[in-house]
């Protein structure tokens, strides 16, 4: 893993090479004499910036939970310096160098984008002042754009009208020196491609320099279309016109006494995933499963530390092994792939959010080892100590609300997975057999939400039939 502590180094090269020829032409090979060259490489590393690390593939910014070390503390390689909250967990960030924590740039409770400097590390006491100066410069540099955003000073007003003088058009957003990121609306990008306009050369007039369709049309030399009302004035135009209805509904005002609560980092990540899942075409299938046998097995293995979640995860994994398409994934909308492992992600509610610890290779682990692994993952999840590979490597998700008495519900498909199973509570149900005799059996309703691009109805029905067979005959779960 790349270190978040990237050194700022000064490299100087000094070399001396003889001006005379290194060899002389001669008929004898012994006459060749090579005068050695001497090159000296000197590396001086004094001050290093501590960067905000990327603790997961989806992390774009991190929040400083607490600084374990204070300014002026001497650090040793491998020591924990700061606790960072990612979108899923809190993790200690260690130093890979010896030195002194000269300055803290981002304080506790503040956020910073991935790659931004959050602290300054000095190698010796001699560099402390220089490091602190660098930290102050970084702070002032980050505040300058905000200061420059103040409303510009208006021109002085004149008492008498001045003659009109041609003035150059006001500069909108002058492009900064060096490469800049092009920000354009989707329709503007489509127009640029249609009219063969280099969108990187277009200066945007929208908010924050965003390129609008009108900017692209102007660059392509297209005159804006005039409305019919402006081209042909009519007497009715003098009549007061009704205000045009707004295209987007305005936000409702807050009720008196309401409190605005910003999302935490985890809540923001969950919200982002939920919105992303809306772009996937899904369908849902429900299946009633007789749970008498698995309930009896649970009572038998419960004293040994086995949970119902582990039993269900094991049953799901064995069923997925027979129906690999339900364990497949589609991420680009153009192709899908069969996952080489069956990793069951299980939804867990924790304080302030939701997380899905992953039981990796659940089909290959025995039931007791799987239960032990699950307990460890839950403890780490609730203490926000999960490693990225322990929550972002799932290929199928299991959500069990049956423990709360919920009999049925639908689950939202996580991005990048083929299906998610929602398990309801096991409840006594009156059933009739083939001879017309009535009996009471425990049944639980299982609903599966699947990506219809890769999983079809017949695939899901076959998978659920296999899952029900395993649950109703659970002897294979203990093998």
Protein backbone atom coordinates (compact mmCIF):
# COMPACT_ATOMS: atom_id res chain seq x y z
CA UNK A 1 0.00 0.00 0.00
CA UNK A 2 1.32 3.39 -0.91
CA UNK A 3 2.48 5.40 2.05
CA UNK A 4 0.49 8.57 2.83
CA UNK A 5 3.78 10.12 3.97
CA UNK A 6 5.42 11.23 0.75
CA UNK A 7 8.83 12.80 1.23
CA UNK A 8 9.76 16.04 -0.30
CA UNK A 9 13.32 15.46 -1.38
CA UNK A 10 16.09 17.60 -2.76
CA UNK A 11 18.29 15.68 -5.14
CA UNK A 12 21.59 17.16 -6.29
CA UNK A 13 23.90 15.55 -8.74
CA UNK A 14 27.61 16.33 -9.07
CA UNK A 15 29.78 14.61 -11.61
CA UNK A 16 33.25 15.03 -12.97
CA UNK A 17 34.24 13.56 -16.31
CA UNK A 18 37.68 13.83 -17.83
CA UNK A 19 37.86 16.14 -20.82
CA UNK A 20 40.42 13.92 -22.49
CA UNK A 21 39.38 10.99 -24.61
CA UNK A 22 38.82 7.85 -22.59
CA UNK A 23 40.75 5.80 -25.14
CA UNK A 24 43.17 6.19 -27.98
CA UNK A 25 42.98 4.31 -31.27
CA UNK A 26 45.64 1.65 -31.39
CA UNK A 27 46.31 -1.55 -33.24
CA UNK A 28 46.73 -3.37 -29.96
CA UNK A 29 43.71 -4.14 -27.78
CA UNK A 30 45.89 -3.65 -24.72
CA UNK A 31 46.20 0.02 -25.62
CA UNK A 32 42.58 0.69 -24.66
CA UNK A 33 42.42 2.44 -21.33
CA UNK A 34 39.14 3.58 -19.83
CA UNK A 35 39.35 6.38 -17.31
CA UNK A 36 36.58 5.83 -14.74
CA UNK A 37 33.85 8.44 -14.35
CA UNK A 38 32.84 9.59 -10.91
CA UNK A 39 29.25 10.54 -10.07
CA UNK A 40 27.99 11.50 -6.65
CA UNK A 41 24.29 11.31 -5.70
CA UNK A 42 23.28 13.30 -2.67
CA UNK A 43 19.72 13.01 -1.33
CA UNK A 44 18.58 15.37 1.38
CA UNK A 45 15.16 14.81 2.91
CA UNK A 46 14.15 17.29 5.59
CA UNK A 47 10.42 17.99 5.62
CA UNK A 48 7.61 15.63 4.70
CA UNK A 49 3.90 16.23 4.32
CA UNK A 50 1.46 13.80 5.95
CA UNK A 51 -1.28 13.22 3.39
CA UNK A 52 -4.87 12.12 3.85
CA UNK A 53 -4.72 8.45 2.82
CA UNK A 54 -7.26 6.60 0.67
CA UNK A 55 -8.53 3.95 3.07
CA UNK A 56 -10.99 2.42 0.60
CA UNK A 57 -11.71 2.39 -3.12
CA UNK A 58 -14.77 4.63 -2.64
CA UNK A 59 -13.21 7.13 -0.25
CA UNK A 60 -12.90 10.68 -1.60
CA UNK A 61 -12.38 12.53 1.66
CA UNK A 62 -11.65 11.67 5.27
CA UNK A 63 -12.45 13.14 8.66
CA UNK A 64 -9.89 13.53 11.41
CA UNK A 65 -11.31 11.72 14.43
CA UNK A 66 -8.37 12.45 16.74
CA UNK A 67 -4.66 13.14 16.67
CA UNK A 68 -2.85 10.51 18.72
CA UNK A 69 0.30 12.65 18.69
CA UNK A 70 0.65 16.36 19.39
CA UNK A 71 2.78 19.02 17.79
CA UNK A 72 6.40 18.66 18.89
CA UNK A 73 6.15 14.92 19.64
CA UNK A 74 8.98 12.73 18.42
CA UNK A 75 7.71 9.96 16.14
CA UNK A 76 9.21 6.58 15.40
CA UNK A 77 8.62 4.55 12.27
CA UNK A 78 5.46 2.43 12.60
CA UNK A 79 3.86 4.59 15.31
CA UNK A 80 0.18 5.57 15.00
CA UNK A 81 -0.15 9.31 14.48
CA UNK A 82 -3.79 10.08 13.69
CA UNK A 83 -7.18 8.34 13.57
CA UNK A 84 -9.05 8.94 10.30
CA UNK A 85 -12.72 8.23 9.66
CA UNK A 86 -13.34 6.89 6.17
CA UNK A 87 -16.71 6.18 4.61
CA UNK A 88 -16.84 2.82 6.42
CA UNK A 89 -14.49 2.67 9.42
CA UNK A 90 -12.06 4.48 11.70
CA UNK A 91 -8.44 3.56 11.05
CA UNK A 92 -5.10 4.44 12.61
CA UNK A 93 -2.61 6.03 10.24
CA UNK A 94 1.01 5.15 10.96
CA UNK A 95 4.19 7.00 10.12
CA UNK A 96 6.72 5.34 7.88
CA UNK A 97 9.52 7.71 8.92
CA UNK A 98 11.24 8.90 12.05
CA UNK A 99 10.89 12.58 12.82
CA UNK A 100 9.04 15.29 14.72
CA UNK A 101 5.39 16.26 14.22
CA UNK A 102 6.04 19.91 13.43
CA UNK A 103 2.52 21.10 12.66
CA UNK A 104 -1.06 19.86 12.41
CA UNK A 105 -2.74 21.30 9.31
CA UNK A 106 -6.20 19.67 9.64
CA UNK A 107 -7.59 19.62 13.16
CA UNK A 108 -9.85 17.12 14.89
CA UNK A 109 -13.38 17.04 13.50
CA UNK A 110 -12.34 18.60 10.20
CA UNK A 111 -12.39 16.91 6.81
CA UNK A 112 -9.88 16.92 3.97
CA UNK A 113 -9.88 15.37 0.49
CA UNK A 114 -7.75 12.33 -0.21
CA UNK A 115 -4.18 13.41 -0.96
CA UNK A 116 -4.40 16.73 0.91
CA UNK A 117 -1.76 17.55 3.53
CA UNK A 118 -3.05 17.05 7.07
CA UNK A 119 0.25 17.46 8.93
CA UNK A 120 3.92 18.34 8.55
CA UNK A 121 6.76 16.04 9.66
CA UNK A 122 10.24 17.45 10.27
CA UNK A 123 13.33 15.27 10.32
CA UNK A 124 15.21 17.18 13.03
CA UNK A 125 14.64 20.13 15.35
CA UNK A 126 16.58 22.34 12.95
CA UNK A 127 13.73 22.11 10.42
CA UNK A 128 10.89 22.82 12.86
CA UNK A 129 10.60 26.52 12.08
CA UNK A 130 10.75 25.90 8.36
CA UNK A 131 8.07 23.21 8.67
CA UNK A 132 5.79 25.51 10.69
CA UNK A 133 6.23 28.24 8.08
CA UNK A 134 5.28 25.75 5.39
CA UNK A 135 2.17 24.77 7.36
CA UNK A 136 1.13 28.42 7.72
CA UNK A 137 1.67 28.93 4.00
CA UNK A 138 -0.57 25.95 3.29
CA UNK A 139 -3.29 27.39 5.53
CA UNK A 140 -3.07 30.82 3.94
CA UNK A 141 -3.03 29.25 0.49
CA UNK A 142 -6.25 27.39 1.19
CA UNK A 143 -7.94 30.52 2.47
CA UNK A 144 -6.87 32.76 -0.43
CA UNK A 145 -9.43 31.43 -2.90
CA UNK A 146 -12.18 32.20 -0.41
CA UNK A 147 -10.85 35.70 0.10
CA UNK A 148 -10.64 36.29 -3.63
CA UNK A 149 -14.27 35.27 -3.99
CA UNK A 150 -15.41 38.50 -2.28
CA UNK A 151 -17.61 40.74 -4.41
CA UNK A 152 -15.35 42.95 -6.56
CA UNK A 153 -15.22 46.69 -5.81
CA UNK A 154 -17.76 48.53 -7.98
CA UNK A 155 -16.50 51.35 -10.20
CA UNK A 156 -16.82 54.85 -8.74
CA UNK A 157 -20.14 56.49 -9.54
CA UNK A 158 -20.05 59.70 -11.57
CA UNK A 159 -22.39 62.63 -11.01
CA UNK A 160 -22.69 63.43 -14.73
CA UNK A 161 -23.08 60.90 -17.49
CA UNK A 162 -19.75 60.24 -19.16
CA UNK A 163 -19.40 59.68 -22.88
CA UNK A 164 -19.59 56.08 -23.92
CA UNK A 165 -16.14 54.57 -24.27
CA UNK A 166 -15.54 51.15 -25.68
CA UNK A 167 -14.44 48.92 -22.85
CA UNK A 168 -13.06 45.40 -23.14
CA UNK A 169 -15.57 42.74 -22.08
CA UNK A 170 -15.20 41.76 -18.45
CA UNK A 171 -13.09 38.67 -17.95
CA UNK A 172 -15.21 35.87 -16.62
CA UNK A 173 -13.12 33.10 -15.19
CA UNK A 174 -9.61 33.33 -16.51
CA UNK A 175 -8.14 29.87 -16.88
CA UNK A 176 -5.36 29.27 -14.39
CA UNK A 177 -1.84 28.54 -15.51
CA UNK A 178 -1.22 24.90 -16.31
CA UNK A 179 -3.74 22.16 -16.95
CA UNK A 180 -7.25 22.73 -15.66
CA UNK A 181 -10.18 20.43 -15.12
CA UNK A 182 -12.94 20.87 -17.67
CA UNK A 183 -16.39 21.05 -16.09
CA UNK A 184 -19.32 20.94 -18.47
CA UNK A 185 -22.94 19.92 -18.47
CA UNK A 186 -23.78 16.59 -20.18
CA UNK A 187 -25.72 18.37 -22.95
CA UNK A 188 -22.77 20.72 -23.52
CA UNK A 189 -20.46 17.72 -23.97
CA UNK A 190 -22.92 16.19 -26.42
CA UNK A 191 -23.09 19.43 -28.45
CA UNK A 192 -19.29 19.72 -28.46
CA UNK A 193 -18.98 16.21 -29.86
CA UNK A 194 -21.72 16.88 -32.43
CA UNK A 195 -20.17 20.15 -33.69
CA UNK A 196 -16.57 18.90 -33.31
CA UNK A 197 -15.63 21.58 -30.80
CA UNK A 198 -12.65 21.05 -28.49
CA UNK A 199 -14.43 21.45 -25.16
CA UNK A 200 -11.12 22.02 -23.37
CA UNK A 201 -10.72 25.30 -25.28
CA UNK A 202 -14.17 26.65 -24.38
CA UNK A 203 -14.42 29.17 -21.55
CA UNK A 204 -17.46 28.47 -19.40
CA UNK A 205 -19.82 31.22 -18.28
CA UNK A 206 -21.87 29.07 -15.91
CA UNK A 207 -21.51 28.84 -12.15
CA UNK A 208 -17.89 28.22 -11.10
CA UNK A 209 -16.77 28.26 -14.74
CA UNK A 210 -19.08 25.42 -15.85
CA UNK A 211 -19.41 25.14 -19.63
CA UNK A 212 -23.03 25.50 -20.78
CA UNK A 213 -24.62 24.52 -24.12
CA UNK A 214 -24.70 28.21 -25.07
CA UNK A 215 -20.90 28.41 -24.61
CA UNK A 216 -20.41 25.48 -27.00
CA UNK A 217 -22.79 26.97 -29.58
CA UNK A 218 -20.94 30.28 -29.40
CA UNK A 219 -17.61 28.50 -29.93
CA UNK A 220 -19.09 26.68 -32.94
CA UNK A 221 -20.38 29.96 -34.44
CA UNK A 222 -24.05 29.04 -34.06
CA UNK A 223 -26.43 31.94 -33.50
CA UNK A 224 -28.87 31.45 -30.63
CA UNK A 225 -32.41 30.73 -31.76
CA UNK A 226 -34.96 33.51 -31.33
CA UNK A 227 -38.32 32.69 -29.88
CA UNK A 228 -41.41 33.22 -31.99
CA UNK A 229 -42.78 35.68 -29.49
CA UNK A 230 -39.75 37.91 -29.91
CA UNK A 231 -39.74 37.64 -33.73
CA UNK A 232 -43.43 38.46 -34.31
CA UNK A 233 -44.79 40.92 -31.77
CA UNK A 234 -48.56 40.81 -31.37
CA UNK A 235 -50.99 43.06 -29.53
CA UNK A 236 -51.56 40.30 -27.03
CA UNK A 237 -47.98 40.76 -25.96
CA UNK A 238 -48.95 43.96 -24.20
CA UNK A 239 -51.27 42.05 -21.91
CA UNK A 240 -49.80 40.98 -18.61
CA UNK A 241 -48.42 37.49 -19.03
CA UNK A 242 -48.80 34.80 -16.42
CA UNK A 243 -45.61 33.75 -14.69
CA UNK A 244 -44.18 30.59 -16.21
CA UNK A 245 -44.35 27.63 -13.89
CA UNK A 246 -40.99 26.60 -12.52
CA UNK A 247 -39.53 23.47 -14.09
CA UNK A 248 -38.21 22.12 -10.79
CA UNK A 249 -40.20 22.10 -7.58
CA UNK A 250 -38.84 24.51 -5.02
CA UNK A 251 -37.59 23.13 -1.74
CA UNK A 252 -40.17 23.26 0.99
CA UNK A 253 -39.31 25.61 3.85
CA UNK A 254 -38.25 24.06 7.13
CA UNK A 255 -40.79 23.91 9.89
CA UNK A 256 -40.17 26.24 12.83
CA UNK A 257 -37.84 24.66 15.33
CA UNK A 258 -36.44 22.12 12.85
CA UNK A 259 -32.81 21.09 13.15
CA UNK A 260 -30.54 20.44 10.16
CA UNK A 261 -28.20 17.50 10.72
CA UNK A 262 -25.44 17.00 8.13
CA UNK A 263 -24.62 13.48 6.99
CA UNK A 264 -21.72 11.72 8.62
CA UNK A 265 -19.06 10.30 6.33
CA UNK A 266 -20.68 6.87 6.52
CA UNK A 267 -24.19 8.19 5.91
CA UNK A 268 -22.96 10.14 2.89
CA UNK A 269 -21.36 6.96 1.48
CA UNK A 270 -24.58 4.98 2.04
CA UNK A 271 -26.64 7.70 0.37
CA UNK A 272 -24.29 7.76 -2.61
CA UNK A 273 -24.56 3.98 -3.04
CA UNK A 274 -28.34 4.06 -2.78
CA UNK A 275 -28.64 6.72 -5.47
CA UNK A 276 -26.22 4.80 -7.68
CA UNK A 277 -28.30 1.63 -7.30
CA UNK A 278 -31.29 3.39 -8.90
CA UNK A 279 -29.59 3.16 -12.30
CA UNK A 280 -29.64 -0.67 -12.21
CA UNK A 281 -32.73 -2.46 -13.62
CA UNK A 282 -33.83 -4.86 -10.88
CA UNK A 283 -36.63 -7.33 -10.22
CA UNK A 284 -37.78 -9.11 -7.07
CA UNK A 285 -38.85 -12.66 -6.36
CA UNK A 286 -40.35 -14.02 -3.12
CA UNK A 287 -40.17 -17.62 -1.93
CA UNK A 288 -41.64 -19.25 1.21
CA UNK A 289 -39.26 -21.64 2.95
CA UNK A 290 -40.11 -24.27 5.57
CA UNK A 291 -37.85 -23.41 8.54
CA UNK A 292 -38.69 -26.23 10.99
CA UNK A 293 -35.50 -28.17 10.28
CA UNK A 294 -33.11 -25.21 10.40
CA UNK A 295 -34.77 -23.92 13.58
CA UNK A 296 -34.14 -27.30 15.19
CA UNK A 297 -30.52 -27.31 14.00
CA UNK A 298 -30.06 -23.80 15.37
CA UNK A 299 -31.22 -24.86 18.83
CA UNK A 300 -28.73 -27.73 18.66
CA UNK A 301 -25.65 -25.71 17.62
CA UNK A 302 -26.48 -22.45 19.43
CA UNK A 303 -24.64 -23.53 22.64
CA UNK A 304 -21.51 -23.93 20.50
CA UNK A 305 -21.62 -20.28 19.46
CA UNK A 306 -23.30 -20.68 16.08
CA UNK A 307 -25.70 -17.89 15.09
CA UNK A 308 -28.67 -18.01 12.72
CA UNK A 309 -26.87 -15.51 10.51
CA UNK A 310 -24.00 -17.95 10.07
CA UNK A 311 -26.43 -20.76 9.22
CA UNK A 312 -28.17 -18.64 6.58
CA UNK A 313 -24.88 -17.37 5.12
CA UNK A 314 -23.61 -20.94 4.80
CA UNK A 315 -26.86 -22.05 3.12
CA UNK A 316 -26.70 -19.11 0.69
CA UNK A 317 -23.05 -19.86 -0.16
CA UNK A 318 -23.79 -23.53 -0.91
CA UNK A 319 -26.70 -22.52 -3.14
CA UNK A 320 -24.58 -19.94 -4.99
CA UNK A 321 -21.97 -22.60 -5.70
CA UNK A 322 -24.64 -24.40 -7.78
CA UNK A 323 -25.90 -21.20 -9.45
CA UNK A 324 -22.82 -19.01 -10.16
CA UNK A 325 -24.75 -16.53 -12.33
CA UNK A 326 -26.50 -15.22 -9.19
CA UNK A 327 -23.03 -14.59 -7.76
CA UNK A 328 -21.92 -12.69 -10.89
CA UNK A 329 -21.40 -8.92 -11.21
CA UNK A 330 -22.00 -6.24 -13.83
CA UNK A 331 -20.27 -2.88 -13.35
CA UNK A 332 -19.99 -1.23 -16.77
CA UNK A 333 -23.38 -2.16 -18.29
CA UNK A 334 -21.63 -3.79 -21.27
CA UNK A 335 -20.39 -7.07 -19.82
CA UNK A 336 -20.50 -9.18 -16.68
CA UNK A 337 -18.11 -11.56 -15.00
CA UNK A 338 -18.31 -14.62 -12.81
CA UNK A 339 -16.66 -14.03 -9.44
CA UNK A 340 -13.99 -16.56 -8.51
CA UNK A 341 -14.99 -16.49 -4.83
CA UNK A 342 -18.28 -16.60 -2.96
CA UNK A 343 -18.07 -13.73 -0.48
CA UNK A 344 -21.25 -13.18 1.53
CA UNK A 345 -21.73 -9.61 2.75
CA UNK A 346 -24.12 -9.37 5.70
CA UNK A 347 -25.83 -6.08 6.58
CA UNK A 348 -25.16 -4.88 10.12
CA UNK A 349 -26.71 -1.82 11.73
CA UNK A 350 -24.21 0.18 13.76
CA UNK A 351 -24.34 3.52 15.52
CA UNK A 352 -24.69 6.18 12.84
CA UNK A 353 -25.02 4.01 9.78
CA UNK A 354 -24.98 0.64 8.07
CA UNK A 355 -22.08 -1.58 7.07
CA UNK A 356 -21.74 -4.98 5.40
CA UNK A 357 -18.88 -7.10 6.79
CA UNK A 358 -17.88 -9.84 4.34
CA UNK A 359 -17.57 -13.57 5.05
CA UNK A 360 -15.00 -14.46 2.41
CA UNK A 361 -15.07 -17.93 0.83
CA UNK A 362 -18.16 -18.77 2.88
CA UNK A 363 -18.76 -21.96 0.89
CA UNK A 364 -15.35 -23.37 1.86
CA UNK A 365 -15.42 -22.65 5.62
CA UNK A 366 -17.07 -25.06 8.05
CA UNK A 367 -20.01 -23.77 10.07
CA UNK A 368 -18.15 -23.30 13.35
CA UNK A 369 -15.20 -21.46 11.79
CA UNK A 370 -17.66 -19.32 9.84
CA UNK A 371 -19.50 -18.40 13.08
CA UNK A 372 -16.24 -17.47 14.79
CA UNK A 373 -15.21 -15.33 11.84
CA UNK A 374 -18.61 -13.61 11.86
CA UNK A 375 -18.36 -12.68 15.54
CA UNK A 376 -14.93 -11.13 14.95
CA UNK A 377 -16.25 -9.11 12.01
CA UNK A 378 -19.24 -7.80 14.00
CA UNK A 379 -16.99 -6.69 16.87
CA UNK A 380 -14.66 -4.89 14.46
CA UNK A 381 -17.61 -3.31 12.64
CA UNK A 382 -19.14 -1.88 15.82
CA UNK A 383 -15.77 -0.52 16.92
CA UNK A 384 -15.23 0.84 13.35
CA UNK A 385 -12.02 -1.12 12.92
CA UNK A 386 -12.81 -3.07 9.75
CA UNK A 387 -10.14 -3.16 7.07
CA UNK A 388 -11.23 -2.22 3.52
CA UNK A 389 -11.09 -5.79 2.22
CA UNK A 390 -13.40 -6.84 5.06
CA UNK A 391 -16.32 -4.72 3.83
CA UNK A 392 -15.88 -4.01 0.12
CA UNK A 393 -15.23 -7.49 -1.31
CA UNK A 394 -18.78 -8.91 -1.17
CA UNK A 395 -20.26 -10.71 -4.18
CA UNK A 396 -23.73 -11.35 -2.67
CA UNK A 397 -25.47 -9.61 0.24
CA UNK A 398 -27.66 -11.08 2.96
CA UNK A 399 -29.99 -8.88 5.05
CA UNK A 400 -31.81 -10.52 7.95
CA UNK A 401 -34.53 -8.51 9.70
CA UNK A 402 -36.31 -11.63 10.89
CA UNK A 403 -34.59 -11.28 14.26
CA UNK A 404 -36.65 -8.10 14.76
CA UNK A 405 -39.94 -9.82 13.94
CA UNK A 406 -40.19 -8.44 10.39
CA UNK A 407 -41.99 -11.03 8.26
CA UNK A 408 -41.19 -9.61 4.81
CA UNK A 409 -39.31 -6.73 3.20
CA UNK A 410 -37.46 -5.80 0.02
CA UNK A 411 -33.77 -4.95 0.01
CA UNK A 412 -31.99 -2.45 -2.27
CA UNK A 413 -29.34 -3.98 -4.52
CA UNK A 414 -25.81 -2.79 -3.66
CA UNK A 415 -23.86 -1.41 -6.64
CA UNK A 416 -21.57 -3.96 -8.27
CA UNK A 417 -23.41 -7.06 -7.03
CA UNK A 418 -25.82 -9.39 -8.80
CA UNK A 419 -28.34 -10.00 -6.02
CA UNK A 420 -29.29 -9.39 -2.39
CA UNK A 421 -31.47 -11.60 -0.18
CA UNK A 422 -33.94 -10.27 2.41
CA UNK A 423 -34.87 -12.83 5.08
CA UNK A 424 -38.03 -12.42 7.16
CA UNK A 425 -38.99 -13.94 10.49
CA UNK A 426 -39.91 -17.59 10.88
CA UNK A 427 -43.60 -17.81 11.86
CA UNK A 428 -46.09 -20.66 12.41
CA UNK A 429 -48.25 -21.13 9.33
CA UNK A 430 -51.19 -23.44 8.65
CA UNK A 431 -50.47 -25.58 5.58
CA UNK A 432 -52.35 -28.39 3.82
CA UNK A 433 -50.67 -31.49 2.43
CA UNK A 434 -51.54 -33.39 -0.74
CA UNK A 435 -54.19 -35.46 1.06
CA UNK A 436 -55.97 -32.37 2.38
CA UNK A 437 -54.79 -32.70 5.96
CA UNK A 438 -53.90 -29.48 7.79
CA UNK A 439 -50.83 -28.96 9.94
CA UNK A 440 -48.86 -26.08 11.42
CA UNK A 441 -45.32 -25.51 10.18
CA UNK A 442 -42.84 -22.68 10.60
CA UNK A 443 -42.20 -20.74 7.42
CA UNK A 444 -40.06 -17.76 6.56
CA UNK A 445 -40.47 -15.59 3.49
CA UNK A 446 -37.33 -14.91 1.49
CA UNK A 447 -37.24 -12.05 -1.05
CA UNK A 448 -34.38 -11.62 -3.49
CA UNK A 449 -33.63 -8.45 -5.49
CA UNK A 450 -31.49 -9.14 -8.56
CA UNK A 451 -29.80 -7.28 -11.43
CA UNK A 452 -31.97 -8.14 -14.44
CA UNK A 453 -29.09 -7.49 -16.85
CA UNK A 454 -27.37 -10.70 -15.78
CA UNK A 455 -29.89 -12.66 -13.67
CA UNK A 456 -33.20 -13.74 -15.20
CA UNK A 457 -36.35 -14.97 -13.53
CA UNK A 458 -35.64 -18.65 -14.25
CA UNK A 459 -32.13 -18.28 -12.79
CA UNK A 460 -33.43 -16.76 -9.58
CA UNK A 461 -36.25 -19.29 -9.24
CA UNK A 462 -33.78 -22.18 -9.59
CA UNK A 463 -31.44 -20.60 -7.02
CA UNK A 464 -34.26 -20.10 -4.50
CA UNK A 465 -35.44 -23.67 -5.00
CA UNK A 466 -31.93 -24.93 -4.20
CA UNK A 467 -31.67 -22.60 -1.19
CA UNK A 468 -35.02 -23.86 0.16
CA UNK A 469 -33.92 -27.47 -0.27
CA UNK A 470 -30.73 -26.80 1.73
CA UNK A 471 -32.62 -25.00 4.51
CA UNK A 472 -35.28 -27.69 4.74
CA UNK A 473 -32.60 -30.42 4.83
CA UNK A 474 -29.75 -28.64 6.68
CA UNK A 475 -27.52 -31.68 7.35
CA UNK A 476 -25.06 -30.44 4.69
CA UNK A 477 -24.47 -27.21 6.65
CA UNK A 478 -22.57 -29.04 9.40
CA UNK A 479 -20.31 -31.05 7.08
